[in-house]
Amino acid sequence: MSEAPVSPETAARAGVPDEATKARYQRLFRRGLQWLGAGIFLMAISLIINLQMQHAGPAFSVTMYAVTTVGAGCLIKGLVDLFG
């Protein structure tokens, strides 16, 4: 038995995503991965700088808090894009 073609209105009511919706979710997913990568990179750089400056003496609180906060913000933005 062959199925009859489904109209766009019927597909929308049934919850079947169209191509534009799929493309939008793929774009959001890629953007989310990029934000996650940036956040992980910033958090790793912050950790490395903090470990290097731990015994050096100068105040490193700007690095410790600013870069870590920006990295955490990037992680949150990436998760929001991934999970919608």
N, C-alpha and C. Protein backbone atom coordinates (compact mmCIF):
# COMPACT_ATOMS: atom_id res chain seq x y z
N MET A 1 0.84 -1.16 0.00
CA MET A 1 0.00 0.00 0.00
C MET A 1 0.89 1.24 0.00
N SER A 2 0.59 2.16 -0.83
CA SER A 2 1.34 3.41 -0.84
C SER A 2 0.56 4.46 -0.06
N GLU A 3 1.32 5.31 0.60
CA GLU A 3 0.69 6.35 1.40
C GLU A 3 0.38 7.56 0.54
N ALA A 4 -0.70 8.22 0.88
CA ALA A 4 -1.08 9.43 0.16
C ALA A 4 -0.15 10.56 0.59
N PRO A 5 0.13 11.51 -0.30
CA PRO A 5 0.98 12.64 0.09
C PRO A 5 0.34 13.43 1.24
N VAL A 6 1.19 13.91 2.11
CA VAL A 6 0.73 14.66 3.28
C VAL A 6 0.84 16.15 2.98
N SER A 7 -0.22 16.87 3.26
CA SER A 7 -0.19 18.31 3.03
C SER A 7 0.65 18.98 4.11
N PRO A 8 1.22 20.16 3.83
CA PRO A 8 2.02 20.86 4.85
C PRO A 8 1.23 21.18 6.11
N GLU A 9 -0.05 21.48 5.96
CA GLU A 9 -0.87 21.79 7.12
C GLU A 9 -1.03 20.57 8.03
N THR A 10 -1.25 19.42 7.42
CA THR A 10 -1.40 18.18 8.18
C THR A 10 -0.09 17.82 8.87
N ALA A 11 1.01 18.00 8.17
CA ALA A 11 2.32 17.70 8.74
C ALA A 11 2.62 18.61 9.92
N ALA A 12 2.27 19.88 9.80
CA ALA A 12 2.52 20.83 10.89
C ALA A 12 1.69 20.48 12.12
N ARG A 13 0.45 20.05 11.90
CA ARG A 13 -0.39 19.67 13.04
C ARG A 13 0.08 18.38 13.67
N ALA A 14 0.68 17.49 12.89
CA ALA A 14 1.14 16.21 13.40
C ALA A 14 2.50 16.33 14.09
N GLY A 15 3.15 17.49 14.01
CA GLY A 15 4.44 17.67 14.66
C GLY A 15 5.61 17.25 13.81
N VAL A 16 5.40 17.07 12.53
CA VAL A 16 6.48 16.68 11.63
C VAL A 16 7.24 17.94 11.24
N PRO A 17 8.54 18.01 11.55
CA PRO A 17 9.30 19.22 11.21
C PRO A 17 9.55 19.31 9.71
N ASP A 18 9.49 20.52 9.18
CA ASP A 18 9.79 20.70 7.77
C ASP A 18 11.30 20.95 7.62
N GLU A 19 11.74 21.12 6.38
CA GLU A 19 13.17 21.28 6.11
C GLU A 19 13.73 22.56 6.73
N ALA A 20 12.95 23.63 6.75
CA ALA A 20 13.43 24.89 7.33
C ALA A 20 13.66 24.73 8.83
N THR A 21 12.79 24.02 9.50
CA THR A 21 12.93 23.78 10.94
C THR A 21 14.15 22.92 11.22
N LYS A 22 14.35 21.88 10.41
CA LYS A 22 15.52 21.03 10.58
C LYS A 22 16.81 21.81 10.38
N ALA A 23 16.83 22.67 9.37
CA ALA A 23 18.02 23.48 9.09
C ALA A 23 18.28 24.45 10.24
N ARG A 24 17.22 25.00 10.81
CA ARG A 24 17.38 25.92 11.95
C ARG A 24 17.97 25.21 13.15
N TYR A 25 17.49 24.01 13.46
CA TYR A 25 18.02 23.25 14.59
C TYR A 25 19.47 22.83 14.35
N GLN A 26 19.81 22.48 13.13
CA GLN A 26 21.19 22.13 12.82
C GLN A 26 22.11 23.34 12.99
N ARG A 27 21.65 24.50 12.57
CA ARG A 27 22.42 25.72 12.72
C ARG A 27 22.62 26.05 14.20
N LEU A 28 21.56 25.92 15.00
CA LEU A 28 21.67 26.17 16.44
C LEU A 28 22.61 25.16 17.11
N PHE A 29 22.57 23.92 16.66
CA PHE A 29 23.43 22.89 17.22
C PHE A 29 24.90 23.20 16.93
N ARG A 30 25.20 23.58 15.69
CA ARG A 30 26.58 23.94 15.33
C ARG A 30 27.05 25.16 16.12
N ARG A 31 26.20 26.16 16.24
CA ARG A 31 26.55 27.36 17.00
C ARG A 31 26.76 27.02 18.47
N GLY A 32 25.94 26.13 19.01
CA GLY A 32 26.10 25.71 20.39
C GLY A 32 27.42 25.00 20.63
N LEU A 33 27.82 24.16 19.68
CA LEU A 33 29.12 23.49 19.81
C LEU A 33 30.26 24.49 19.76
N GLN A 34 30.14 25.51 18.93
CA GLN A 34 31.18 26.54 18.86
C GLN A 34 31.28 27.31 20.18
N TRP A 35 30.14 27.66 20.76
CA TRP A 35 30.15 28.37 22.05
C TRP A 35 30.73 27.47 23.14
N LEU A 36 30.38 26.19 23.12
CA LEU A 36 30.94 25.27 24.11
C LEU A 36 32.45 25.17 23.96
N GLY A 37 32.92 25.08 22.73
CA GLY A 37 34.36 25.03 22.49
C GLY A 37 35.07 26.27 22.99
N ALA A 38 34.48 27.43 22.74
CA ALA A 38 35.08 28.68 23.22
C ALA A 38 35.10 28.72 24.74
N GLY A 39 34.03 28.28 25.37
CA GLY A 39 33.97 28.27 26.84
C GLY A 39 34.99 27.32 27.44
N ILE A 40 35.12 26.15 26.86
CA ILE A 40 36.10 25.19 27.35
C ILE A 40 37.51 25.74 27.18
N PHE A 41 37.77 26.37 26.03
CA PHE A 41 39.08 26.96 25.78
C PHE A 41 39.40 28.05 26.82
N LEU A 42 38.45 28.94 27.07
CA LEU A 42 38.68 30.03 28.03
C LEU A 42 38.87 29.49 29.45
N MET A 43 38.11 28.49 29.82
CA MET A 43 38.26 27.91 31.16
C MET A 43 39.62 27.23 31.29
N ALA A 44 40.07 26.55 30.25
CA ALA A 44 41.38 25.90 30.29
C ALA A 44 42.50 26.93 30.36
N ILE A 45 42.39 28.00 29.57
CA ILE A 45 43.40 29.06 29.61
C ILE A 45 43.43 29.69 31.00
N SER A 46 42.28 29.93 31.57
CA SER A 46 42.20 30.50 32.91
C SER A 46 42.88 29.58 33.93
N LEU A 47 42.64 28.30 33.83
CA LEU A 47 43.25 27.35 34.75
C LEU A 47 44.77 27.35 34.61
N ILE A 48 45.25 27.34 33.37
CA ILE A 48 46.69 27.32 33.13
C ILE A 48 47.34 28.60 33.67
N ILE A 49 46.74 29.74 33.39
CA ILE A 49 47.29 31.00 33.88
C ILE A 49 47.29 31.03 35.41
N ASN A 50 46.22 30.58 36.02
CA ASN A 50 46.14 30.57 37.48
C ASN A 50 47.19 29.65 38.10
N LEU A 51 47.41 28.49 37.48
CA LEU A 51 48.42 27.58 38.00
C LEU A 51 49.82 28.16 37.83
N GLN A 52 50.06 28.85 36.73
CA GLN A 52 51.38 29.45 36.50
C GLN A 52 51.63 30.63 37.44
N MET A 53 50.63 31.41 37.73
CA MET A 53 50.80 32.63 38.53
C MET A 53 50.58 32.40 40.02
N GLN A 54 50.28 31.16 40.39
CA GLN A 54 49.96 30.86 41.78
C GLN A 54 51.09 31.26 42.72
N HIS A 55 52.32 30.98 42.36
CA HIS A 55 53.45 31.26 43.22
C HIS A 55 54.28 32.45 42.74
N ALA A 56 53.81 33.13 41.71
CA ALA A 56 54.59 34.24 41.15
C ALA A 56 54.49 35.49 41.99
N GLY A 57 53.44 35.66 42.72
CA GLY A 57 53.34 36.81 43.59
C GLY A 57 52.35 37.88 43.16
N PRO A 58 52.31 38.27 41.89
CA PRO A 58 51.39 39.36 41.54
C PRO A 58 49.93 38.93 41.69
N ALA A 59 49.08 39.91 41.82
CA ALA A 59 47.65 39.63 41.97
C ALA A 59 47.11 39.13 40.62
N PHE A 60 46.47 38.02 40.66
CA PHE A 60 45.92 37.44 39.44
C PHE A 60 44.41 37.27 39.52
N SER A 61 43.78 38.06 40.37
CA SER A 61 42.34 37.91 40.56
C SER A 61 41.56 38.31 39.31
N VAL A 62 42.07 39.26 38.51
CA VAL A 62 41.38 39.64 37.27
C VAL A 62 41.29 38.43 36.34
N THR A 63 42.41 37.75 36.19
CA THR A 63 42.41 36.55 35.35
C THR A 63 41.51 35.48 35.94
N MET A 64 41.65 35.31 37.24
CA MET A 64 40.90 34.24 37.90
C MET A 64 39.39 34.44 37.76
N TYR A 65 38.92 35.65 37.93
CA TYR A 65 37.48 35.87 37.91
C TYR A 65 36.96 36.28 36.54
N ALA A 66 37.64 37.14 35.83
CA ALA A 66 37.13 37.65 34.56
C ALA A 66 37.11 36.57 33.48
N VAL A 67 38.24 35.93 33.26
CA VAL A 67 38.31 34.93 32.19
C VAL A 67 37.43 33.73 32.53
N THR A 68 37.41 33.34 33.79
CA THR A 68 36.57 32.22 34.20
C THR A 68 35.09 32.56 34.02
N THR A 69 34.70 33.78 34.36
CA THR A 69 33.31 34.19 34.19
C THR A 69 32.90 34.22 32.73
N VAL A 70 33.76 34.74 31.88
CA VAL A 70 33.47 34.75 30.44
C VAL A 70 33.38 33.33 29.91
N GLY A 71 34.28 32.46 30.34
CA GLY A 71 34.25 31.06 29.92
C GLY A 71 32.97 30.36 30.37
N ALA A 72 32.56 30.61 31.61
CA ALA A 72 31.32 30.01 32.10
C ALA A 72 30.12 30.54 31.33
N GLY A 73 30.14 31.82 31.00
CA GLY A 73 29.06 32.39 30.19
C GLY A 73 28.97 31.75 28.82
N CYS A 74 30.13 31.50 28.22
CA CYS A 74 30.15 30.82 26.91
C CYS A 74 29.60 29.41 27.02
N LEU A 75 29.95 28.72 28.10
CA LEU A 75 29.43 27.36 28.30
C LEU A 75 27.90 27.37 28.43
N ILE A 76 27.39 28.31 29.20
CA ILE A 76 25.94 28.39 29.38
C ILE A 76 25.24 28.72 28.07
N LYS A 77 25.80 29.67 27.31
CA LYS A 77 25.22 30.03 26.01
C LYS A 77 25.22 28.82 25.07
N GLY A 78 26.31 28.06 25.08
CA GLY A 78 26.38 26.87 24.25
C GLY A 78 25.35 25.82 24.64
N LEU A 79 25.16 25.63 25.93
CA LEU A 79 24.16 24.66 26.38
C LEU A 79 22.75 25.11 26.04
N VAL A 80 22.49 26.41 26.14
CA VAL A 80 21.18 26.93 25.77
C VAL A 80 20.91 26.68 24.28
N ASP A 81 21.92 26.90 23.44
CA ASP A 81 21.74 26.65 22.02
C ASP A 81 21.54 25.18 21.72
N LEU A 82 22.26 24.31 22.46
CA LEU A 82 22.14 22.88 22.20
C LEU A 82 20.79 22.32 22.64
N PHE A 83 20.36 22.71 23.82
CA PHE A 83 19.14 22.13 24.38
C PHE A 83 17.90 22.97 24.17
N GLY A 84 18.07 24.14 23.58
CA GLY A 84 16.95 24.98 23.22
C GLY A 84 16.27 25.58 24.38
